[in-house]
Amino acid sequence: MSNLRSSPVAPTVDFDRDGVQHGFLRLPYSRDDSAWGSVMIPICVIRNGNGPAALLSGANHGDEYEGPLALYDLARTLDPRQVSGTVIIVPAMNYPAFRAGTRTSPIDKGNMNRSFPGRPDGTVTEKIADYFQRELLPRADIVFDFHSGGKTLDFVPFCAAHTLPDKALEQKAFDAVAAFAAPFSMRMIEIDAVGMYDTAAEEMGKVFVSTELGGGGTSRAQTVRIARRGILNVLRHAGIVDGAVEKTRTQWLDMPSGDCFSFAEDDGMIETMVDLGEPVKEGSVLARIHSTGRTGVAPQEIRAKMSGMLAARHFPGLVKAGDCAAVVAVHV
């Protein structure tokens, strides 16, 4: 019965009012240092008459920065006279995690991208997910959620959409990916799709597009430029913002199966044997994991299960058993 309850989140913006509004999604959160406190999630709504609506988000995971950098900038600079419809911008979706610089929330350890559809009477993370599920997603025609590798992965910069049973919806998503025009464009599968924001949007029939734009718990000048140019391209492509799409060359990649992913089976120190963007052959060594507990132990070799290109790698120098060590994609 919990899904029939109203959300405790109170927006300080009016989604149906024309103009530019900067406000908050205020979520009551009683805690030791603030008995009647709240989580204040920044939000911007830019509306100019009737038309399609875009829902843009960053920091679904709090240690990923290209999205927040692009979206705080877009909220500050987008002229409503250039807009036909509505742009809803939430630069830091999991705001507690974003403020802490962590992937998951420091309040409840909630992973926002595994918390959908959420609960209005759940944890803080579940309450935020519930508000997006029931209040924000239904307003959107196109949903764009920025990601990068955070502190534990590093990616070649790509924009992505999923292969879907609904081929018409899938094509709309891939058309938006092409408009974003990242250096790489990915046809993507997920190894853990349950509870994802992506899944929630796609099940509603929304065009959903995402990115992986680097990683390592920071951003680079190149990846932020890609994010800023790309999101304007998508809004132009959708007919929400005036202007022509800035076309640049993109290389299409595919992740056709679970064989794309390689995982560590031991703890240790990881040695990357292939750099991002380099070709790999099936059976070749992608990485070696060295034991740090004693000398004289041969490293564990992680071999590619398919030929292609190294699209992602584990980022910190130390790795734990079960960590994703490498991702291989194939050129389309």
Protein backbone atom coordinates (compact mmCIF):
# COMPACT_ATOMS: atom_id res chain seq x y z
CA MET A 1 0.00 0.00 0.00
CA SER A 2 3.00 2.33 0.44
CA ASN A 3 3.01 3.28 -3.25
CA LEU A 4 -0.40 4.97 -2.76
CA ARG A 5 0.98 7.46 -0.25
CA SER A 6 1.89 10.96 -1.35
CA SER A 7 5.53 11.91 -1.62
CA PRO A 8 7.09 13.79 1.30
CA VAL A 9 9.18 15.78 -1.21
CA ALA A 10 7.94 19.36 -1.65
CA PRO A 11 9.16 21.30 -4.72
CA THR A 12 9.68 25.05 -4.38
CA VAL A 13 9.18 25.50 -8.14
CA ASP A 14 6.04 25.47 -10.28
CA PHE A 15 6.53 23.06 -13.18
CA ASP A 16 3.73 24.69 -15.18
CA ARG A 17 4.92 28.30 -14.94
CA ASP A 18 6.76 29.96 -17.80
CA GLY A 19 10.20 31.46 -17.28
CA VAL A 20 13.26 30.38 -15.31
CA GLN A 21 12.92 29.11 -11.75
CA HIS A 22 15.75 28.07 -9.44
CA GLY A 23 14.63 26.21 -6.35
CA PHE A 24 14.73 22.97 -4.43
CA LEU A 25 13.15 19.61 -3.92
CA ARG A 26 12.83 19.76 -0.14
CA LEU A 27 12.79 16.38 1.61
CA PRO A 28 12.24 16.42 5.40
CA TYR A 29 15.07 14.60 7.17
CA SER A 30 15.15 14.65 10.96
CA ARG A 31 18.61 13.98 12.34
CA ASP A 32 20.84 14.61 15.35
CA ASP A 33 22.00 18.04 14.21
CA SER A 34 18.65 19.26 12.82
CA ALA A 35 15.46 17.93 14.38
CA TRP A 36 13.23 19.44 11.69
CA GLY A 37 15.87 19.43 8.98
CA SER A 38 15.58 18.79 5.26
CA VAL A 39 17.62 17.59 2.30
CA MET A 40 17.53 20.47 -0.20
CA ILE A 41 18.08 19.14 -3.75
CA PRO A 42 18.72 21.97 -6.24
CA ILE A 43 16.38 22.07 -9.24
CA CYS A 44 15.89 24.42 -12.17
CA VAL A 45 12.83 24.60 -14.43
CA ILE A 46 13.02 26.51 -17.70
CA ARG A 47 9.68 26.67 -19.50
CA ASN A 48 8.41 28.54 -22.52
CA GLY A 49 4.91 27.53 -23.56
CA ASN A 50 3.70 24.13 -24.62
CA GLY A 51 6.05 21.62 -26.16
CA PRO A 52 8.15 18.57 -25.33
CA ALA A 53 9.79 18.24 -21.94
CA ALA A 54 13.29 17.07 -21.06
CA LEU A 55 14.36 15.80 -17.64
CA LEU A 56 18.12 16.16 -17.16
CA SER A 57 20.07 14.78 -14.21
CA GLY A 58 23.60 14.36 -12.94
CA ALA A 59 25.24 12.81 -9.85
CA ASN A 60 22.88 9.85 -9.77
CA HIS A 61 26.10 8.57 -8.26
CA GLY A 62 27.68 11.27 -6.17
CA ASP A 63 31.31 10.89 -7.31
CA GLU A 64 30.65 11.59 -11.01
CA TYR A 65 31.20 15.20 -12.08
CA GLU A 66 30.74 15.87 -15.81
CA GLY A 67 26.97 15.87 -15.43
CA PRO A 68 26.81 18.34 -12.52
CA LEU A 69 29.33 20.64 -14.19
CA ALA A 70 27.36 20.69 -17.45
CA LEU A 71 23.94 20.99 -15.80
CA TYR A 72 24.70 23.69 -13.22
CA ASP A 73 26.12 25.66 -16.16
CA LEU A 74 23.08 24.96 -18.35
CA ALA A 75 20.70 26.04 -15.57
CA ARG A 76 22.60 29.32 -15.24
CA THR A 77 22.92 30.14 -18.94
CA LEU A 78 19.99 28.70 -20.93
CA ASP A 79 17.80 31.54 -22.24
CA PRO A 80 14.08 30.68 -22.00
CA ARG A 81 13.53 32.52 -25.29
CA GLN A 82 15.49 29.70 -26.94
CA VAL A 83 13.21 27.07 -25.38
CA SER A 84 10.00 25.63 -26.81
CA GLY A 85 8.61 23.44 -24.06
CA THR A 86 10.18 22.57 -20.71
CA VAL A 87 13.65 21.70 -19.42
CA ILE A 88 13.82 20.27 -15.88
CA ILE A 89 17.38 20.20 -14.53
CA VAL A 90 18.47 18.32 -11.41
CA PRO A 91 22.28 18.63 -11.44
CA ALA A 92 22.83 16.42 -8.38
CA MET A 93 20.13 13.75 -8.17
CA ASN A 94 21.59 11.93 -5.16
CA TYR A 95 22.44 15.20 -3.43
CA PRO A 96 23.63 13.69 -0.13
CA ALA A 97 26.09 11.48 -2.03
CA PHE A 98 27.18 14.39 -4.21
CA ARG A 99 27.99 16.55 -1.18
CA ALA A 100 29.97 13.70 0.36
CA GLY A 101 31.78 12.83 -2.88
CA THR A 102 30.67 9.21 -2.61
CA ARG A 103 28.90 6.85 -4.99
CA THR A 104 26.14 6.04 -2.49
CA SER A 105 24.35 8.16 0.07
CA PRO A 106 26.17 8.73 3.39
CA ILE A 107 22.74 8.81 5.06
CA ASP A 108 21.46 5.34 4.22
CA LYS A 109 24.15 3.88 1.89
CA GLY A 110 21.50 3.98 -0.82
CA ASN A 111 22.59 3.53 -4.43
CA MET A 112 20.16 5.79 -6.29
CA ASN A 113 20.51 3.77 -9.47
CA ARG A 114 19.39 0.59 -7.71
CA SER A 115 16.53 2.17 -5.70
CA PHE A 116 13.71 2.53 -8.24
CA PRO A 117 10.73 2.67 -8.11
CA GLY A 118 11.48 3.85 -4.58
CA ARG A 119 9.09 4.28 -1.64
CA PRO A 120 7.48 7.40 -0.18
CA ASP A 121 7.88 5.87 3.30
CA GLY A 122 11.35 4.41 2.73
CA THR A 123 14.88 5.64 3.27
CA VAL A 124 16.02 9.07 2.07
CA THR A 125 17.34 7.55 -1.18
CA GLU A 126 14.11 5.62 -1.75
CA LYS A 127 12.04 8.77 -1.15
CA ILE A 128 14.03 10.68 -3.78
CA ALA A 129 13.66 7.79 -6.24
CA ASP A 130 9.91 7.67 -5.57
CA TYR A 131 9.58 11.37 -6.34
CA PHE A 132 11.37 10.95 -9.66
CA GLN A 133 9.31 7.83 -10.43
CA ARG A 134 5.88 9.33 -9.74
CA GLU A 135 6.31 13.08 -10.18
CA LEU A 136 9.18 13.89 -12.56
CA LEU A 137 9.41 11.00 -15.03
CA PRO A 138 5.73 11.27 -16.05
CA ARG A 139 6.34 14.91 -17.05
CA ALA A 140 9.20 14.06 -19.42
CA ASP A 141 9.33 13.06 -23.07
CA ILE A 142 13.09 12.57 -23.06
CA VAL A 143 15.23 11.69 -20.03
CA PHE A 144 18.99 12.26 -19.97
CA ASP A 145 21.07 10.98 -17.04
CA PHE A 146 24.81 11.77 -17.00
CA HIS A 147 27.24 9.17 -15.68
CA SER A 148 30.96 8.58 -15.59
CA GLY A 149 33.10 5.97 -13.86
CA GLY A 150 33.28 7.56 -10.42
CA LYS A 151 36.21 6.63 -8.23
CA THR A 152 36.46 2.99 -9.31
CA LEU A 153 36.16 2.93 -13.11
CA ASP A 154 37.45 4.90 -16.08
CA PHE A 155 35.75 4.89 -19.51
CA VAL A 156 36.39 6.08 -23.00
CA PRO A 157 33.90 8.98 -23.32
CA PHE A 158 30.67 7.64 -24.76
CA CYS A 159 26.96 8.38 -24.94
CA ALA A 160 24.68 5.35 -24.70
CA ALA A 161 21.21 3.93 -24.99
CA HIS A 162 19.93 0.41 -24.44
CA THR A 163 18.74 -2.22 -26.84
CA LEU A 164 15.01 -2.51 -26.12
CA PRO A 165 12.10 -4.81 -27.03
CA ASP A 166 10.28 -1.70 -28.31
CA LYS A 167 12.31 -1.03 -31.46
CA ALA A 168 10.59 2.28 -32.21
CA LEU A 169 11.54 3.59 -28.76
CA GLU A 170 15.03 2.11 -29.15
CA GLN A 171 15.54 3.98 -32.44
CA LYS A 172 14.45 7.30 -30.89
CA ALA A 173 16.99 6.77 -28.12
CA PHE A 174 19.81 5.93 -30.53
CA ASP A 175 18.92 8.97 -32.64
CA ALA A 176 19.41 11.10 -29.52
CA VAL A 177 22.72 9.35 -28.83
CA ALA A 178 23.86 10.21 -32.35
CA ALA A 179 22.85 13.84 -31.77
CA PHE A 180 24.90 14.01 -28.55
CA ALA A 181 27.93 13.21 -30.74
CA ALA A 182 30.38 11.94 -28.15
CA PRO A 183 33.66 10.48 -29.45
CA PHE A 184 32.02 7.06 -28.98
CA SER A 185 28.35 6.01 -29.12
CA MET A 186 27.34 2.78 -27.38
CA ARG A 187 24.60 0.21 -27.86
CA MET A 188 24.52 -0.95 -24.27
CA ILE A 189 23.39 -3.84 -22.12
CA GLU A 190 23.23 -3.77 -18.32
CA ILE A 191 24.54 -6.53 -16.09
CA ASP A 192 22.37 -5.35 -13.17
CA ALA A 193 19.24 -3.59 -14.49
CA VAL A 194 16.93 -4.18 -11.51
CA GLY A 195 16.07 -0.95 -9.68
CA MET A 196 17.74 1.31 -12.23
CA TYR A 197 16.52 4.78 -13.17
CA ASP A 198 17.09 3.73 -16.78
CA THR A 199 14.69 0.82 -16.43
CA ALA A 200 12.04 2.95 -14.71
CA ALA A 201 12.09 5.51 -17.52
CA GLU A 202 12.12 2.95 -20.33
CA GLU A 203 9.22 1.00 -18.81
CA MET A 204 7.21 4.24 -18.97
CA GLY A 205 7.98 4.54 -22.68
CA LYS A 206 10.36 7.47 -22.23
CA VAL A 207 13.34 8.08 -24.48
CA PHE A 208 16.27 7.44 -22.13
CA VAL A 209 19.88 8.39 -22.87
CA SER A 210 22.95 8.21 -20.65
CA THR A 211 26.72 8.61 -20.77
CA GLU A 212 29.96 7.32 -19.39
CA LEU A 213 32.38 10.23 -19.79
CA GLY A 214 35.58 9.22 -18.05
CA GLY A 215 35.99 8.52 -14.36
CA GLY A 216 38.52 8.26 -11.58
CA GLY A 217 36.39 10.41 -9.28
CA THR A 218 37.16 13.60 -11.20
CA SER A 219 36.58 15.27 -14.56
CA ARG A 220 38.77 16.37 -17.44
CA ALA A 221 38.53 19.46 -19.62
CA GLN A 222 37.77 17.26 -22.63
CA THR A 223 34.96 15.31 -20.97
CA VAL A 224 33.27 18.44 -19.59
CA ARG A 225 33.37 20.00 -23.06
CA ILE A 226 31.76 16.84 -24.45
CA ALA A 227 29.04 17.01 -21.80
CA ARG A 228 28.22 20.70 -22.34
CA ARG A 229 28.12 20.48 -26.12
CA GLY A 230 26.32 17.15 -26.12
CA ILE A 231 23.41 18.07 -23.87
CA LEU A 232 22.64 21.16 -25.98
CA ASN A 233 22.78 18.94 -29.06
CA VAL A 234 20.21 16.58 -27.55
CA LEU A 235 17.89 19.44 -26.60
CA ARG A 236 18.18 20.86 -30.13
CA HIS A 237 17.57 17.42 -31.62
CA ALA A 238 14.43 17.07 -29.49
CA GLY A 239 13.10 20.42 -30.71
CA ILE A 240 13.21 21.92 -27.22
CA VAL A 241 16.07 24.38 -27.79
CA ASP A 242 16.59 26.49 -30.92
CA GLY A 243 19.59 25.93 -33.13
CA ALA A 244 21.26 23.26 -35.21
CA VAL A 245 22.94 20.16 -33.82
CA GLU A 246 26.74 20.49 -33.89
CA LYS A 247 27.78 17.38 -35.75
CA THR A 248 31.10 15.72 -34.99
CA ARG A 249 32.43 12.28 -35.79
CA THR A 250 31.42 9.44 -33.46
CA GLN A 251 32.43 5.78 -33.46
CA TRP A 252 29.61 3.33 -32.75
CA LEU A 253 30.29 0.53 -30.29
CA ASP A 254 28.24 -2.42 -29.09
CA MET A 255 28.22 -4.44 -25.88
CA PRO A 256 26.56 -7.58 -27.24
CA SER A 257 26.81 -9.93 -24.25
CA GLY A 258 28.06 -10.53 -20.74
CA ASP A 259 31.39 -11.58 -22.24
CA CYS A 260 32.19 -7.86 -22.45
CA PHE A 261 32.81 -7.80 -18.70
CA SER A 262 35.81 -9.21 -16.81
CA PHE A 263 35.96 -9.43 -13.02
CA ALA A 264 38.73 -9.82 -10.49
CA GLU A 265 38.75 -13.12 -8.64
CA ASP A 266 41.37 -12.13 -6.05
CA ASP A 267 42.31 -9.07 -4.02
CA GLY A 268 45.54 -7.37 -4.97
CA MET A 269 47.26 -4.69 -7.01
CA ILE A 270 46.00 -4.36 -10.57
CA GLU A 271 48.30 -3.85 -13.53
CA THR A 272 46.50 -2.67 -16.65
CA MET A 273 47.98 -4.34 -19.72
CA VAL A 274 45.87 -2.45 -22.30
CA ASP A 275 45.06 1.25 -22.32
CA LEU A 276 41.59 2.68 -22.95
CA GLY A 277 40.65 2.73 -26.63
CA GLU A 278 43.26 0.18 -27.64
CA PRO A 279 42.31 -3.00 -29.54
CA VAL A 280 42.20 -6.34 -27.74
CA LYS A 281 42.03 -9.90 -29.05
CA GLU A 282 40.10 -12.77 -27.50
CA GLY A 283 42.37 -14.54 -25.03
CA SER A 284 44.79 -11.64 -24.65
CA VAL A 285 45.71 -10.41 -21.17
CA LEU A 286 43.73 -7.31 -20.18
CA ALA A 287 45.13 -6.97 -16.67
CA ARG A 288 47.18 -8.76 -14.05
CA ILE A 289 46.41 -8.85 -10.34
CA HIS A 290 49.46 -9.06 -8.13
CA SER A 291 49.34 -10.49 -4.63
CA THR A 292 50.39 -7.97 -2.01
CA GLY A 293 50.42 -10.36 0.94
CA ARG A 294 53.73 -11.97 0.13
CA THR A 295 56.45 -12.08 -2.51
CA GLY A 296 57.01 -14.91 -4.95
CA VAL A 297 53.36 -15.31 -6.02
CA ALA A 298 52.58 -15.27 -9.74
CA PRO A 299 49.97 -12.67 -10.72
CA GLN A 300 46.45 -13.67 -11.74
CA GLU A 301 45.88 -12.94 -15.43
CA ILE A 302 42.54 -11.56 -16.61
CA ARG A 303 42.00 -12.48 -20.26
CA ALA A 304 39.59 -11.05 -22.80
CA LYS A 305 36.61 -13.28 -23.57
CA MET A 306 36.06 -11.53 -26.90
CA SER A 307 37.89 -9.33 -29.37
CA GLY A 308 37.18 -5.62 -29.56
CA MET A 309 38.34 -2.41 -27.89
CA LEU A 310 39.00 -1.67 -24.22
CA ALA A 311 36.10 0.61 -23.25
CA ALA A 312 36.54 0.68 -19.47
CA ARG A 313 38.99 -0.37 -16.80
CA HIS A 314 39.24 -0.52 -13.03
CA PHE A 315 40.70 2.77 -11.86
CA PRO A 316 42.43 2.63 -8.43
CA GLY A 317 45.65 0.68 -8.11
CA LEU A 318 44.15 -1.82 -5.64
CA VAL A 319 41.34 -4.18 -6.55
CA LYS A 320 39.08 -6.56 -4.63
CA ALA A 321 37.62 -9.90 -5.65
CA GLY A 322 34.38 -9.26 -7.57
CA ASP A 323 35.39 -5.81 -8.83
CA CYS A 324 34.89 -5.12 -12.52
CA ALA A 325 38.42 -5.10 -13.96
CA ALA A 326 37.73 -4.36 -17.63
CA VAL A 327 35.00 -3.91 -20.23
CA VAL A 328 35.48 -4.73 -23.90
CA ALA A 329 33.21 -3.30 -26.60
CA VAL A 330 33.09 -4.09 -30.31
CA HIS A 331 33.02 -1.64 -33.21
CA VAL A 332 29.73 -1.60 -35.12
